[in-house]
Amino acid sequence: MVRSRFIDPAREEEWNEWYAGHLDVLLGVPGFLAAQRFHSDSTVDDRPYLAMYEVAGPEVFTSEPYLAIWGFDEWRPLIDNWTRDIFESRGRGLGFGTPRGEWLHAAFVSGPGAAVDEALAVLEAQRPSLRSAAVCGLDRSCQAVAWEPAAAADGPAGFDLPPGVELAEAAYQPITDHLTEPARPPAVSP
């Protein structure tokens, strides 16, 4: 997941167009399986953009094809307050694909490991559509993330977590379609 803020409103539409094309480029990298971008009008951590990716494993981020296209190019000076985190699903799969017109309600959870695990287990028991994942690489800006679909911006009731656990919570609208790995031609034997 990548969370960020774009600081030049005059170029924001242009940047979003570039990023939509960049998702297609990323899906051409072996190991990238799915991608979608979201935006929130209100986040407590001032990172209104969220990009979610499904990858085959963390090694994708050190592969030659990825490193050849990594980065925000000319846009980097206009992006701040950004983090990249690798998460591993807690067993219900990733399921982040959200149709346009619907919402993704997400909470980025921080706190002591045992408290985070307990909080997520309680949420998962209460909410059958909830997905969650534990951080396992890159910036580690939080310990875990939980998300679920919502029909409206106010979405399901807020995530009620026990004391000792902090969260940054927001409702995100998709700004791209949920994209999946492009069909690759079969390997040709020599």
Foldseek 3Di string as FASTA:
>chain_A
DKFWAFADPVCVVVLVVVVLVVQVLVLVQAFWFKKFKWAFPDWPQRGGIDIDTGGNDPCSCVDPSCVVSDDSPPRVVRIDPMFDFDWDWPPPDDPPFDDAQWKKKKKFKAFDPVQVVVLVVVVCVVDVQKIKTATDDGPCPHGMMIIGIANDFCGDDDRDGDPGMDIIIGIIGTPHGIDGRDDDDDDDDD
